[in-house]
Amino acid sequence: MKFTMWKAKLSILVLASSIFALPRGKQPSWLGKYIVHPFTVEDRYIFAPFGGLELGDLISNKGYTAEVKWVHKFRGIQRNDLVAKVFHSHTTPDLVCAEIKALKQIGEFHAAGLYDGSMVIIMDKKPGEILEDTKQYKQAAAPEKSRLTSEAKEKYCEEVAKIAIDKKAYHVDNNAGNYLVQFDEMTDTICSVEVIDWGIARIVNEPVPKEEEVYQYCMRQ
C-alpha cells in the first residue's frame, strides 16, 4: 500500500516537473492555462466497467503512465479505427480526467471507464510510428538521423499550430515520443505527422494568433 502511494506521488511529481519545464522563456499572450480537470463526483464514470469492450494487441508500453492497445470491439461492434490508453495503477484520476478534457476539446475522445480493473480512455487511432521505431531511422547513419529528427519536429510543429488554431488547444509535451510519422516510400521523406498523448495541453487564448506564430513558438521549445 505504501509503495502504491509512493508511486502515485511520483507520478504527480513527474507531471509537475514536465509542466514547469515546458515551455521556457517569455510566453506569448495567446498561450493560456493548462487544461486540467480535478476529479469530481461527475467523473465517476471512469470507474464504471466497460461493456462490450475487447482489446487487442499491445501497440506501445513506452509511456510512464499508460500503455496503448488496439481496440478489437467497442460497445460490442468490431472496430479498426480506435485505440485504448490503459493507465497503470499508480496514475491518479486527476491525470486521466485532464487528458479526457483535452481529447474532448480536439474531438478525438470516444469513451472512458474501467477495463480489467484499469482506467482506460478510448480514442481515435492515428497512422504512423514513433520516429525511432521506423525502418528509415533505424537504417540511417548519424547525420541522416539528425536530419530526420529536425524534419519530424518541423512537421510536428506545423500540425501543432493547425490544431492550436482550429481547436484552441496547444500540445505542450514536445518530444519525439509524442507524435507519429509517416514516410513517402518513394523519397524516404516524412510526409505527415500525427500528434498523440494529450496528457499535458494548454488553452489557446483569444485573440487567436496566426498559425506561423504558433509554429515558431513550438520550434523554439
C-alpha atoms as a PDB file:
ATOM      1  CA  MET A   1       0.000   0.000   0.000  1.00  0.00           C
ATOM      2  CA  LYS A   2       2.806   2.403   0.923  1.00  0.00           C
ATOM      3  CA  PHE A   3       4.621   1.554  -2.309  1.00  0.00           C
ATOM      4  CA  THR A   4       1.469   2.272  -4.348  1.00  0.00           C
ATOM      5  CA  MET A   5       1.042   5.642  -2.633  1.00  0.00           C
ATOM      6  CA  TRP A   6       4.709   6.457  -3.272  1.00  0.00           C
ATOM      7  CA  LYS A   7       4.287   5.670  -6.985  1.00  0.00           C
ATOM      8  CA  ALA A   8       1.184   7.862  -7.159  1.00  0.00           C
ATOM      9  CA  LYS A   9       3.107  10.767  -5.612  1.00  0.00           C
ATOM     10  CA  LEU A  10       5.979  10.182  -8.024  1.00  0.00           C
ATOM     11  CA  SER A  11       3.524  10.306 -10.951  1.00  0.00           C
ATOM     12  CA  ILE A  12       2.323  13.726  -9.831  1.00  0.00           C
ATOM     13  CA  LEU A  13       5.892  14.958  -9.383  1.00  0.00           C
ATOM     14  CA  VAL A  14       6.844  13.771 -12.875  1.00  0.00           C
ATOM     15  CA  LEU A  15       3.866  15.580 -14.393  1.00  0.00           C
ATOM     16  CA  ALA A  16       4.564  18.732 -12.385  1.00  0.00           C
ATOM     17  CA  SER A  17       8.201  18.784 -13.447  1.00  0.00           C
ATOM     18  CA  SER A  18       7.112  18.441 -17.079  1.00  0.00           C
ATOM     19  CA  ILE A  19       4.642  21.283 -16.736  1.00  0.00           C
ATOM     20  CA  PHE A  20       7.072  23.682 -15.132  1.00  0.00           C
ATOM     21  CA  ALA A  21       9.850  22.769 -17.556  1.00  0.00           C
ATOM     22  CA  LEU A  22       7.693  23.485 -20.607  1.00  0.00           C
ATOM     23  CA  PRO A  23       7.611  25.939 -22.158  1.00  0.00           C
ATOM     24  CA  ARG A  24      10.532  28.140 -21.122  1.00  0.00           C
ATOM     25  CA  GLY A  25      11.197  31.810 -21.598  1.00  0.00           C
ATOM     26  CA  LYS A  26       8.689  34.569 -22.155  1.00  0.00           C
ATOM     27  CA  GLN A  27       5.301  33.162 -23.003  1.00  0.00           C
ATOM     28  CA  PRO A  28       3.027  34.698 -25.644  1.00  0.00           C
ATOM     29  CA  SER A  29      -0.321  36.141 -24.592  1.00  0.00           C
ATOM     30  CA  TRP A  30      -2.235  33.542 -26.611  1.00  0.00           C
ATOM     31  CA  LEU A  31      -0.815  30.697 -24.521  1.00  0.00           C
ATOM     32  CA  GLY A  32      -3.417  30.103 -21.829  1.00  0.00           C
ATOM     33  CA  LYS A  33      -3.762  27.967 -18.739  1.00  0.00           C
ATOM     34  CA  TYR A  34      -3.108  24.242 -18.601  1.00  0.00           C
ATOM     35  CA  ILE A  35      -6.052  22.040 -19.453  1.00  0.00           C
ATOM     36  CA  VAL A  36      -6.603  20.419 -16.080  1.00  0.00           C
ATOM     37  CA  HIS A  37      -9.680  18.795 -14.660  1.00  0.00           C
ATOM     38  CA  PRO A  38      -9.584  17.874 -10.953  1.00  0.00           C
ATOM     39  CA  PHE A  39     -11.539  14.700 -10.349  1.00  0.00           C
ATOM     40  CA  THR A  40     -15.147  15.379  -9.361  1.00  0.00           C
ATOM     41  CA  VAL A  41     -18.194  13.316  -8.425  1.00  0.00           C
ATOM     42  CA  GLU A  42     -19.431  13.678 -12.008  1.00  0.00           C
ATOM     43  CA  ASP A  43     -16.259  11.965 -13.242  1.00  0.00           C
ATOM     44  CA  ARG A  44     -17.033   8.687 -11.500  1.00  0.00           C
ATOM     45  CA  TYR A  45     -17.812   7.173 -14.897  1.00  0.00           C
ATOM     46  CA  ILE A  46     -14.092   6.462 -15.333  1.00  0.00           C
ATOM     47  CA  PHE A  47     -14.574   3.837 -12.608  1.00  0.00           C
ATOM     48  CA  ALA A  48     -17.584   2.252 -14.354  1.00  0.00           C
ATOM     49  CA  PRO A  49     -16.798  -1.094 -16.057  1.00  0.00           C
ATOM     50  CA  PHE A  50     -16.925  -1.085 -19.847  1.00  0.00           C
ATOM     51  CA  GLY A  51     -19.496  -3.234 -21.557  1.00  0.00           C
ATOM     52  CA  GLY A  52     -18.802  -4.681 -24.975  1.00  0.00           C
ATOM     53  CA  LEU A  53     -15.134  -3.691 -24.992  1.00  0.00           C
ATOM     54  CA  GLU A  54     -12.465  -6.073 -26.244  1.00  0.00           C
ATOM     55  CA  LEU A  55      -8.847  -5.000 -26.541  1.00  0.00           C
ATOM     56  CA  GLY A  56      -6.320  -6.377 -28.970  1.00  0.00           C
ATOM     57  CA  ASP A  57      -2.526  -6.452 -29.126  1.00  0.00           C
ATOM     58  CA  LEU A  58      -0.178  -4.049 -27.411  1.00  0.00           C
ATOM     59  CA  ILE A  59       0.918  -1.096 -29.551  1.00  0.00           C
ATOM     60  CA  SER A  60       3.231   0.678 -27.095  1.00  0.00           C
ATOM     61  CA  ASN A  61       4.294   0.386 -23.472  1.00  0.00           C
ATOM     62  CA  LYS A  62       6.873   3.172 -23.525  1.00  0.00           C
ATOM     63  CA  GLY A  63       4.843   5.661 -21.506  1.00  0.00           C
ATOM     64  CA  TYR A  64       5.261   6.043 -17.753  1.00  0.00           C
ATOM     65  CA  THR A  65       1.543   6.422 -17.037  1.00  0.00           C
ATOM     66  CA  ALA A  66      -0.027   4.013 -19.523  1.00  0.00           C
ATOM     67  CA  GLU A  67       0.258   1.543 -22.376  1.00  0.00           C
ATOM     68  CA  VAL A  68      -1.645   1.650 -25.667  1.00  0.00           C
ATOM     69  CA  LYS A  69      -3.573  -1.244 -27.207  1.00  0.00           C
ATOM     70  CA  TRP A  70      -5.702  -1.816 -30.282  1.00  0.00           C
ATOM     71  CA  VAL A  71      -9.465  -1.825 -29.788  1.00  0.00           C
ATOM     72  CA  HIS A  72     -10.929  -5.001 -31.271  1.00  0.00           C
ATOM     73  CA  LYS A  73     -14.534  -4.387 -30.200  1.00  0.00           C
ATOM     74  CA  PHE A  74     -16.197  -1.264 -28.814  1.00  0.00           C
ATOM     75  CA  ARG A  75     -19.766  -1.456 -27.488  1.00  0.00           C
ATOM     76  CA  GLY A  76     -19.933  -4.918 -28.992  1.00  0.00           C
ATOM     77  CA  ILE A  77     -19.081  -3.745 -32.516  1.00  0.00           C
ATOM     78  CA  GLN A  78     -15.837  -4.717 -34.237  1.00  0.00           C
ATOM     79  CA  ARG A  79     -13.657  -1.658 -34.872  1.00  0.00           C
ATOM     80  CA  ASN A  80     -10.349  -0.883 -36.550  1.00  0.00           C
ATOM     81  CA  ASP A  81     -10.282   2.892 -36.037  1.00  0.00           C
ATOM     82  CA  LEU A  82      -9.789   3.141 -32.274  1.00  0.00           C
ATOM     83  CA  VAL A  83      -7.062   2.600 -29.675  1.00  0.00           C
ATOM     84  CA  ALA A  84      -7.208   2.277 -25.904  1.00  0.00           C
ATOM     85  CA  LYS A  85      -4.895   4.038 -23.484  1.00  0.00           C
ATOM     86  CA  VAL A  86      -4.724   1.709 -20.481  1.00  0.00           C
ATOM     87  CA  PHE A  87      -3.440   3.537 -17.409  1.00  0.00           C
ATOM     88  CA  HIS A  88      -1.129   1.980 -14.839  1.00  0.00           C
ATOM     89  CA  SER A  89      -2.389   1.618 -11.280  1.00  0.00           C
ATOM     90  CA  HIS A  90      -0.215   4.479  -9.975  1.00  0.00           C
ATOM     91  CA  THR A  91      -1.878   7.028 -12.302  1.00  0.00           C
ATOM     92  CA  THR A  92      -4.273   9.355 -10.484  1.00  0.00           C
ATOM     93  CA  PRO A  93      -7.842  10.034 -11.704  1.00  0.00           C
ATOM     94  CA  ASP A  94      -6.966  13.750 -11.995  1.00  0.00           C
ATOM     95  CA  LEU A  95      -4.385  13.000 -14.691  1.00  0.00           C
ATOM     96  CA  VAL A  96      -6.786  10.759 -16.589  1.00  0.00           C
ATOM     97  CA  CYS A  97      -9.537  13.393 -16.476  1.00  0.00           C
ATOM     98  CA  ALA A  98      -7.140  16.101 -17.706  1.00  0.00           C
ATOM     99  CA  GLU A  99      -6.357  14.037 -20.798  1.00  0.00           C
ATOM    100  CA  ILE A 100     -10.052  13.313 -21.349  1.00  0.00           C
ATOM    101  CA  LYS A 101     -10.792  17.034 -21.291  1.00  0.00           C
ATOM    102  CA  ALA A 102      -8.056  17.767 -23.848  1.00  0.00           C
ATOM    103  CA  LEU A 103      -9.172  14.931 -26.125  1.00  0.00           C
ATOM    104  CA  LYS A 104     -12.749  16.180 -25.977  1.00  0.00           C
ATOM    105  CA  GLN A 105     -11.584  19.641 -26.991  1.00  0.00           C
ATOM    106  CA  ILE A 106      -9.763  18.369 -30.086  1.00  0.00           C
ATOM    107  CA  GLY A 107     -12.553  15.919 -30.961  1.00  0.00           C
ATOM    108  CA  GLU A 108     -10.684  12.625 -30.526  1.00  0.00           C
ATOM    109  CA  PHE A 109     -12.367  11.257 -27.380  1.00  0.00           C
ATOM    110  CA  HIS A 110     -14.822   8.338 -27.553  1.00  0.00           C
ATOM    111  CA  ALA A 111     -15.251   6.920 -24.041  1.00  0.00           C
ATOM    112  CA  ALA A 112     -13.589   6.166 -20.714  1.00  0.00           C
ATOM    113  CA  GLY A 113     -14.107   3.607 -17.976  1.00  0.00           C
ATOM    114  CA  LEU A 114     -12.654   0.518 -16.315  1.00  0.00           C
ATOM    115  CA  TYR A 115     -11.319  -2.498 -18.178  1.00  0.00           C
ATOM    116  CA  ASP A 116      -9.919  -5.394 -16.157  1.00  0.00           C
ATOM    117  CA  GLY A 117      -9.547  -3.031 -13.209  1.00  0.00           C
ATOM    118  CA  SER A 118      -7.599  -0.337 -15.101  1.00  0.00           C
ATOM    119  CA  MET A 119      -8.761   3.135 -16.117  1.00  0.00           C
ATOM    120  CA  VAL A 120      -8.985   3.305 -19.914  1.00  0.00           C
ATOM    121  CA  ILE A 121      -9.559   6.040 -22.491  1.00  0.00           C
ATOM    122  CA  ILE A 122     -10.850   5.089 -25.948  1.00  0.00           C
ATOM    123  CA  MET A 123      -9.662   7.481 -28.640  1.00  0.00           C
ATOM    124  CA  ASP A 124      -9.031   7.838 -32.371  1.00  0.00           C
ATOM    125  CA  LYS A 125      -6.371   5.634 -33.918  1.00  0.00           C
ATOM    126  CA  LYS A 126      -3.615   7.620 -35.623  1.00  0.00           C
ATOM    127  CA  PRO A 127      -1.499   6.355 -38.515  1.00  0.00           C
ATOM    128  CA  GLY A 128       2.281   6.174 -38.360  1.00  0.00           C
ATOM    129  CA  GLU A 129       5.080   5.195 -35.990  1.00  0.00           C
ATOM    130  CA  ILE A 130       7.305   6.930 -33.489  1.00  0.00           C
ATOM    131  CA  LEU A 131      10.323   8.140 -35.483  1.00  0.00           C
ATOM    132  CA  GLU A 132      12.918   5.999 -33.724  1.00  0.00           C
ATOM    133  CA  ASP A 133      10.853   2.867 -34.465  1.00  0.00           C
ATOM    134  CA  THR A 134      10.747   3.421 -38.233  1.00  0.00           C
ATOM    135  CA  LYS A 135      12.973   1.415 -40.552  1.00  0.00           C
ATOM    136  CA  GLN A 136      14.164   4.643 -42.176  1.00  0.00           C
ATOM    137  CA  TYR A 137      15.501   5.970 -38.881  1.00  0.00           C
ATOM    138  CA  LYS A 138      16.985   2.668 -37.749  1.00  0.00           C
ATOM    139  CA  GLN A 139      18.887   2.232 -41.003  1.00  0.00           C
ATOM    140  CA  ALA A 140      20.136   5.814 -41.177  1.00  0.00           C
ATOM    141  CA  ALA A 141      23.662   6.982 -40.344  1.00  0.00           C
ATOM    142  CA  ALA A 142      24.089   9.626 -37.631  1.00  0.00           C
ATOM    143  CA  PRO A 143      23.881  12.703 -39.939  1.00  0.00           C
ATOM    144  CA  GLU A 144      20.728  11.354 -41.587  1.00  0.00           C
ATOM    145  CA  LYS A 145      19.158  10.608 -38.191  1.00  0.00           C
ATOM    146  CA  SER A 146      19.788  14.198 -37.209  1.00  0.00           C
ATOM    147  CA  ARG A 147      18.144  15.422 -40.425  1.00  0.00           C
ATOM    148  CA  LEU A 148      15.127  13.179 -39.895  1.00  0.00           C
ATOM    149  CA  THR A 149      14.762  14.372 -36.303  1.00  0.00           C
ATOM    150  CA  SER A 150      14.759  18.008 -37.445  1.00  0.00           C
ATOM    151  CA  GLU A 151      12.336  17.295 -40.271  1.00  0.00           C
ATOM    152  CA  ALA A 152       9.968  15.456 -37.917  1.00  0.00           C
ATOM    153  CA  LYS A 153       9.962  18.308 -35.421  1.00  0.00           C
ATOM    154  CA  GLU A 154       9.175  20.833 -38.157  1.00  0.00           C
ATOM    155  CA  LYS A 155       6.177  18.812 -39.314  1.00  0.00           C
ATOM    156  CA  TYR A 156       5.109  18.186 -35.721  1.00  0.00           C
ATOM    157  CA  CYS A 157       5.097  21.939 -35.067  1.00  0.00           C
ATOM    158  CA  GLU A 158       3.135  22.537 -38.266  1.00  0.00           C
ATOM    159  CA  GLU A 159       0.473  20.114 -37.029  1.00  0.00           C
ATOM    160  CA  VAL A 160       0.520  21.543 -33.504  1.00  0.00           C
ATOM    161  CA  ALA A 161      -0.052  25.014 -34.951  1.00  0.00           C
ATOM    162  CA  LYS A 162      -3.008  23.846 -37.055  1.00  0.00           C
ATOM    163  CA  ILE A 163      -4.649  22.170 -34.066  1.00  0.00           C
ATOM    164  CA  ALA A 164      -3.997  25.225 -31.890  1.00  0.00           C
ATOM    165  CA  ILE A 165      -5.798  27.461 -34.367  1.00  0.00           C
ATOM    166  CA  ASP A 166      -8.648  25.063 -35.179  1.00  0.00           C
ATOM    167  CA  LYS A 167      -9.274  23.506 -31.750  1.00  0.00           C
ATOM    168  CA  LYS A 168      -7.899  26.161 -29.364  1.00  0.00           C
ATOM    169  CA  ALA A 169      -5.620  23.600 -27.667  1.00  0.00           C
ATOM    170  CA  TYR A 170      -1.807  23.701 -27.630  1.00  0.00           C
ATOM    171  CA  HIS A 171       0.129  20.431 -27.287  1.00  0.00           C
ATOM    172  CA  VAL A 172       2.804  21.173 -24.692  1.00  0.00           C
ATOM    173  CA  ASP A 173       4.765  17.943 -24.389  1.00  0.00           C
ATOM    174  CA  ASN A 174       7.142  18.457 -27.296  1.00  0.00           C
ATOM    175  CA  ASN A 175       9.193  15.276 -27.645  1.00  0.00           C
ATOM    176  CA  ALA A 176       9.639  12.673 -30.361  1.00  0.00           C
ATOM    177  CA  GLY A 177       7.683  10.060 -28.401  1.00  0.00           C
ATOM    178  CA  ASN A 178       4.511  12.155 -28.657  1.00  0.00           C
ATOM    179  CA  TYR A 179       3.994  12.140 -32.403  1.00  0.00           C
ATOM    180  CA  LEU A 180       3.783   9.548 -35.158  1.00  0.00           C
ATOM    181  CA  VAL A 181       5.419   9.925 -38.554  1.00  0.00           C
ATOM    182  CA  GLN A 182       4.667   8.509 -41.971  1.00  0.00           C
ATOM    183  CA  PHE A 183       7.200   8.331 -44.803  1.00  0.00           C
ATOM    184  CA  ASP A 184       6.843   8.774 -48.526  1.00  0.00           C
ATOM    185  CA  GLU A 185       8.184   5.389 -49.607  1.00  0.00           C
ATOM    186  CA  MET A 186       9.423   6.802 -52.921  1.00  0.00           C
ATOM    187  CA  THR A 187      11.628   9.508 -51.420  1.00  0.00           C
ATOM    188  CA  ASP A 188      12.090   8.393 -47.773  1.00  0.00           C
ATOM    189  CA  THR A 189      10.993  11.835 -46.629  1.00  0.00           C
ATOM    190  CA  ILE A 190       8.471  12.398 -43.854  1.00  0.00           C
ATOM    191  CA  CYS A 191       5.119  13.166 -45.472  1.00  0.00           C
ATOM    192  CA  SER A 192       2.917  13.510 -42.370  1.00  0.00           C
ATOM    193  CA  VAL A 193       2.954  13.732 -38.584  1.00  0.00           C
ATOM    194  CA  GLU A 194       0.143  12.914 -36.158  1.00  0.00           C
ATOM    195  CA  VAL A 195       0.131  14.354 -32.633  1.00  0.00           C
ATOM    196  CA  ILE A 196      -0.554  11.914 -29.797  1.00  0.00           C
ATOM    197  CA  ASP A 197      -0.555  11.908 -25.979  1.00  0.00           C
ATOM    198  CA  TRP A 198      -2.588  14.896 -24.815  1.00  0.00           C
ATOM    199  CA  GLY A 199      -1.876  14.450 -21.115  1.00  0.00           C
ATOM    200  CA  ILE A 200      -0.328  17.928 -20.965  1.00  0.00           C
ATOM    201  CA  ALA A 201      -2.001  20.662 -23.011  1.00  0.00           C
ATOM    202  CA  ARG A 202      -2.867  24.348 -22.764  1.00  0.00           C
ATOM    203  CA  ILE A 203      -5.771  26.523 -23.844  1.00  0.00           C
ATOM    204  CA  VAL A 204      -5.221  28.950 -26.743  1.00  0.00           C
ATOM    205  CA  ASN A 205      -6.499  32.372 -25.703  1.00  0.00           C
ATOM    206  CA  GLU A 206      -8.368  34.886 -27.819  1.00  0.00           C
ATOM    207  CA  PRO A 207      -7.450  36.628 -30.000  1.00  0.00           C
ATOM    208  CA  VAL A 208      -6.235  33.516 -31.777  1.00  0.00           C
ATOM    209  CA  PRO A 209      -2.708  34.019 -33.153  1.00  0.00           C
ATOM    210  CA  LYS A 210      -1.569  33.376 -36.679  1.00  0.00           C
ATOM    211  CA  GLU A 211      -0.552  29.814 -37.443  1.00  0.00           C
ATOM    212  CA  GLU A 212       3.018  30.888 -38.207  1.00  0.00           C
ATOM    213  CA  GLU A 213       3.367  32.450 -34.762  1.00  0.00           C
ATOM    214  CA  VAL A 214       2.348  29.212 -33.046  1.00  0.00           C
ATOM    215  CA  TYR A 215       4.683  27.250 -35.320  1.00  0.00           C
ATOM    216  CA  GLN A 216       7.667  29.454 -34.492  1.00  0.00           C
ATOM    217  CA  TYR A 217       6.931  29.239 -30.770  1.00  0.00           C
ATOM    218  CA  CYS A 218       6.749  25.438 -30.987  1.00  0.00           C
ATOM    219  CA  MET A 219      10.054  25.264 -32.858  1.00  0.00           C
ATOM    220  CA  ARG A 220      11.798  27.214 -30.075  1.00  0.00           C
ATOM    221  CA  GLN A 221      10.750  24.709 -27.418  1.00  0.00           C
END
